N, C-alpha and C. Protein backbone atom coordinates (compact mmCIF):
# COMPACT_ATOMS: atom_id res chain seq x y z
N MET A 1 16.88 -297.90 -3.18
CA MET A 1 17.25 -297.12 -2.16
C MET A 1 17.08 -297.57 -0.94
N HIS A 2 15.72 -298.03 -0.33
CA HIS A 2 15.53 -298.24 1.28
C HIS A 2 16.47 -299.26 0.94
N GLU A 3 16.82 -300.68 0.34
CA GLU A 3 17.41 -301.57 0.65
C GLU A 3 18.94 -301.09 1.40
N TRP A 4 19.45 -299.91 0.61
CA TRP A 4 20.81 -299.58 0.92
C TRP A 4 20.71 -298.53 2.34
N TYR A 5 19.49 -298.34 2.38
CA TYR A 5 19.21 -297.43 4.03
C TYR A 5 19.62 -298.62 5.10
N ASP A 6 18.74 -299.37 4.85
CA ASP A 6 18.63 -300.81 5.91
C ASP A 6 19.88 -301.32 6.20
N LYS A 7 20.78 -301.41 5.01
CA LYS A 7 22.09 -302.16 4.82
C LYS A 7 23.18 -300.78 5.63
N VAL A 8 22.94 -299.83 5.64
CA VAL A 8 23.77 -298.67 6.53
C VAL A 8 23.14 -298.34 7.52
N ALA A 9 22.01 -298.70 7.80
CA ALA A 9 21.75 -298.64 9.28
C ALA A 9 22.52 -299.92 10.00
N ALA A 10 22.92 -300.66 9.90
CA ALA A 10 23.83 -301.70 10.74
C ALA A 10 24.97 -301.63 10.85
N SER A 11 25.62 -300.54 10.19
CA SER A 11 26.83 -300.15 10.37
C SER A 11 27.03 -299.44 11.72
N THR A 12 28.34 -299.59 11.96
CA THR A 12 28.51 -298.65 13.35
C THR A 12 29.56 -297.78 12.98
N LEU A 13 29.85 -297.53 11.85
CA LEU A 13 30.67 -296.14 11.45
C LEU A 13 29.80 -294.95 11.39
N ARG A 14 30.11 -293.86 12.23
CA ARG A 14 29.31 -292.48 12.46
C ARG A 14 28.82 -291.97 10.80
N GLU A 15 30.01 -292.19 10.35
CA GLU A 15 30.46 -291.28 8.98
C GLU A 15 29.37 -291.48 8.06
N VAL A 16 29.43 -293.17 7.93
CA VAL A 16 28.11 -293.94 6.84
C VAL A 16 26.80 -293.44 7.35
N LYS A 17 26.72 -293.62 8.66
CA LYS A 17 25.08 -293.26 8.85
C LYS A 17 25.07 -291.55 8.70
N ALA A 18 26.06 -290.75 8.67
CA ALA A 18 25.94 -289.37 8.34
C ALA A 18 25.40 -289.39 7.10
N ALA A 19 26.22 -289.82 6.20
CA ALA A 19 25.89 -289.93 4.81
C ALA A 19 24.55 -290.31 4.47
N ARG A 20 24.19 -291.43 5.38
CA ARG A 20 23.24 -291.93 4.68
C ARG A 20 21.90 -290.64 5.07
N ASP A 21 21.99 -290.14 6.27
CA ASP A 21 20.80 -289.19 6.69
C ASP A 21 21.07 -288.06 5.86
N THR A 22 21.85 -287.43 5.25
CA THR A 22 22.36 -286.76 4.04
C THR A 22 21.48 -287.14 2.89
N ILE A 23 21.73 -288.11 2.46
CA ILE A 23 21.38 -288.47 1.25
C ILE A 23 19.85 -288.73 1.55
N LYS A 24 19.43 -289.03 2.26
CA LYS A 24 17.84 -289.35 3.01
C LYS A 24 17.17 -287.90 2.80
N LEU A 25 17.65 -286.87 3.37
CA LEU A 25 17.10 -285.89 3.47
C LEU A 25 17.07 -285.13 2.09
N LYS A 26 17.76 -285.67 1.09
CA LYS A 26 17.67 -284.89 -0.50
C LYS A 26 17.45 -285.94 -1.16
N GLU A 27 16.69 -287.30 -0.89
CA GLU A 27 16.30 -288.25 -1.88
C GLU A 27 15.65 -287.83 -3.12
N ASP A 28 14.61 -286.86 -2.94
CA ASP A 28 14.14 -286.21 -3.91
C ASP A 28 14.82 -285.94 -5.29
N GLN A 29 16.05 -285.06 -4.65
CA GLN A 29 16.68 -284.60 -5.71
C GLN A 29 17.69 -285.32 -6.06
N VAL A 30 18.07 -286.27 -5.49
CA VAL A 30 18.99 -287.44 -6.04
C VAL A 30 18.36 -288.22 -6.94
N LEU A 31 17.24 -288.95 -6.68
CA LEU A 31 16.03 -289.62 -7.76
C LEU A 31 16.08 -288.64 -8.96
N ASN A 32 15.57 -287.59 -8.78
CA ASN A 32 15.30 -286.59 -9.84
C ASN A 32 16.55 -286.29 -11.04
N TYR A 33 17.75 -286.48 -10.59
CA TYR A 33 18.85 -286.75 -11.43
C TYR A 33 18.48 -287.59 -12.36
N PHE A 34 18.65 -289.09 -11.81
CA PHE A 34 18.44 -290.28 -12.42
C PHE A 34 17.14 -290.07 -13.90
N VAL A 35 15.81 -289.46 -13.41
CA VAL A 35 14.82 -289.64 -14.17
C VAL A 35 15.26 -288.40 -15.21
N GLU A 36 15.43 -287.17 -14.88
CA GLU A 36 15.39 -286.02 -15.64
C GLU A 36 16.99 -285.79 -16.19
N ARG A 37 18.17 -286.45 -15.75
CA ARG A 37 19.31 -285.98 -15.60
C ARG A 37 19.78 -284.35 -15.65
N SER A 38 18.84 -284.01 -15.17
CA SER A 38 19.40 -282.22 -14.73
C SER A 38 19.84 -282.39 -13.32
N THR A 39 20.94 -281.21 -13.10
CA THR A 39 21.16 -281.13 -11.50
C THR A 39 21.12 -279.06 -11.83
N ASN A 40 21.65 -278.82 -10.36
CA ASN A 40 21.74 -277.24 -10.34
C ASN A 40 23.26 -276.65 -10.20
N ALA A 41 23.97 -277.42 -11.00
CA ALA A 41 25.35 -277.27 -11.15
C ALA A 41 25.47 -275.96 -11.98
N SER A 42 24.48 -275.43 -12.96
CA SER A 42 24.95 -273.73 -13.62
C SER A 42 24.60 -272.89 -12.29
N ALA A 43 23.34 -273.09 -11.66
CA ALA A 43 22.93 -272.29 -10.64
C ALA A 43 24.03 -272.21 -9.26
N GLU A 44 24.62 -273.36 -9.18
CA GLU A 44 25.91 -273.39 -8.46
C GLU A 44 27.21 -272.84 -8.48
N SER A 45 27.30 -272.91 -10.20
CA SER A 45 28.81 -272.09 -10.55
C SER A 45 28.62 -270.62 -10.89
N PHE A 46 27.47 -270.13 -11.20
CA PHE A 46 26.90 -268.97 -10.82
C PHE A 46 27.20 -268.32 -9.87
N ASN A 47 26.62 -269.10 -8.58
CA ASN A 47 26.55 -268.66 -7.29
C ASN A 47 28.49 -268.39 -6.70
N SER A 48 29.01 -269.14 -7.03
CA SER A 48 30.24 -269.04 -6.92
C SER A 48 30.80 -267.85 -7.64
N LYS A 49 30.87 -267.78 -8.70
CA LYS A 49 31.25 -266.78 -9.34
C LYS A 49 30.98 -265.32 -8.83
N VAL A 50 29.79 -265.42 -8.49
CA VAL A 50 29.20 -264.03 -7.66
C VAL A 50 30.12 -263.81 -6.48
N LYS A 51 30.14 -264.86 -5.61
CA LYS A 51 30.65 -265.14 -4.40
C LYS A 51 32.29 -264.18 -4.59
N ASN A 52 33.08 -264.97 -5.36
CA ASN A 52 34.19 -264.83 -5.49
C ASN A 52 34.37 -263.48 -6.20
N PHE A 53 33.33 -262.90 -6.90
CA PHE A 53 33.45 -261.40 -7.55
C PHE A 53 33.27 -260.33 -6.65
N ARG A 54 32.32 -260.67 -5.77
CA ARG A 54 31.98 -259.65 -4.17
C ARG A 54 33.33 -259.58 -3.50
N ALA A 55 34.29 -260.92 -3.15
CA ALA A 55 35.25 -260.83 -2.49
C ALA A 55 36.36 -259.69 -3.30
N GLN A 56 36.31 -259.98 -4.32
CA GLN A 56 37.57 -259.20 -5.06
C GLN A 56 36.83 -257.65 -4.73
N LEU A 57 35.76 -257.50 -5.08
CA LEU A 57 35.46 -256.01 -5.05
C LEU A 57 35.03 -255.41 -3.61
N HIS A 58 35.25 -256.04 -2.62
CA HIS A 58 34.80 -255.67 -1.32
C HIS A 58 35.31 -254.58 -0.86
N GLY A 59 33.79 -253.56 -0.57
CA GLY A 59 34.48 -252.09 -0.16
C GLY A 59 33.91 -251.17 -1.26
N VAL A 60 33.72 -251.83 -2.48
CA VAL A 60 33.12 -250.88 -3.60
C VAL A 60 31.74 -250.02 -3.05
N LEU A 61 31.60 -248.83 -3.21
CA LEU A 61 30.61 -248.32 -2.89
C LEU A 61 29.55 -247.74 -4.04
N ASP A 62 29.92 -247.84 -5.49
CA ASP A 62 29.51 -247.65 -6.33
C ASP A 62 28.30 -248.56 -6.99
N VAL A 63 27.32 -249.03 -6.67
CA VAL A 63 26.58 -250.18 -7.16
C VAL A 63 26.48 -250.10 -8.53
N LYS A 64 25.90 -249.06 -9.19
CA LYS A 64 26.27 -249.17 -10.50
C LYS A 64 27.49 -249.94 -11.10
N PHE A 65 28.82 -249.38 -10.42
CA PHE A 65 30.07 -250.13 -11.43
C PHE A 65 29.82 -251.66 -10.73
N PHE A 66 29.30 -251.49 -9.54
CA PHE A 66 29.47 -253.25 -8.96
C PHE A 66 28.51 -253.92 -10.16
N MET A 67 27.43 -253.56 -10.50
CA MET A 67 26.55 -254.23 -11.29
C MET A 67 27.18 -254.52 -12.76
N TYR A 68 27.49 -253.20 -13.35
CA TYR A 68 28.31 -253.44 -14.67
C TYR A 68 29.36 -254.41 -14.64
N ARG A 69 30.21 -254.35 -13.77
CA ARG A 69 31.36 -255.57 -13.51
C ARG A 69 30.85 -256.94 -13.54
N LEU A 70 29.87 -256.93 -12.83
CA LEU A 70 29.13 -258.30 -12.75
C LEU A 70 28.60 -259.07 -13.97
N CYS A 71 27.92 -258.00 -14.76
CA CYS A 71 27.38 -258.50 -16.15
C CYS A 71 28.72 -258.59 -16.94
N CYS A 72 29.72 -257.73 -16.53
CA CYS A 72 30.62 -258.33 -17.80
C CYS A 72 31.41 -259.58 -17.43
N ILE A 73 31.39 -259.90 -16.13
CA ILE A 73 31.93 -261.29 -15.77
C ILE A 73 30.91 -262.36 -16.08
N CYS A 74 29.74 -262.21 -15.82
CA CYS A 74 29.07 -263.05 -16.15
C CYS A 74 28.13 -263.46 -17.06
N GLY A 75 28.25 -262.42 -17.89
CA GLY A 75 27.58 -262.33 -19.38
C GLY A 75 26.21 -262.17 -19.64
């Protein structure tokens, strides 16, 4: 990866350097995928479902009903 960082450093494209900085910041997580073959995709999917659910039930004041519906959707 460090060879790639060096090559990208010579680039004049701002977007390429921004991508390099992002990857460098998350380097441990990126490399972990290749070692463990695991991602946080299931957590991201769950968070997305909850976010969409909250948008649909905006303004619901009954917390018990909200939690019941959340359990029904997310299983």
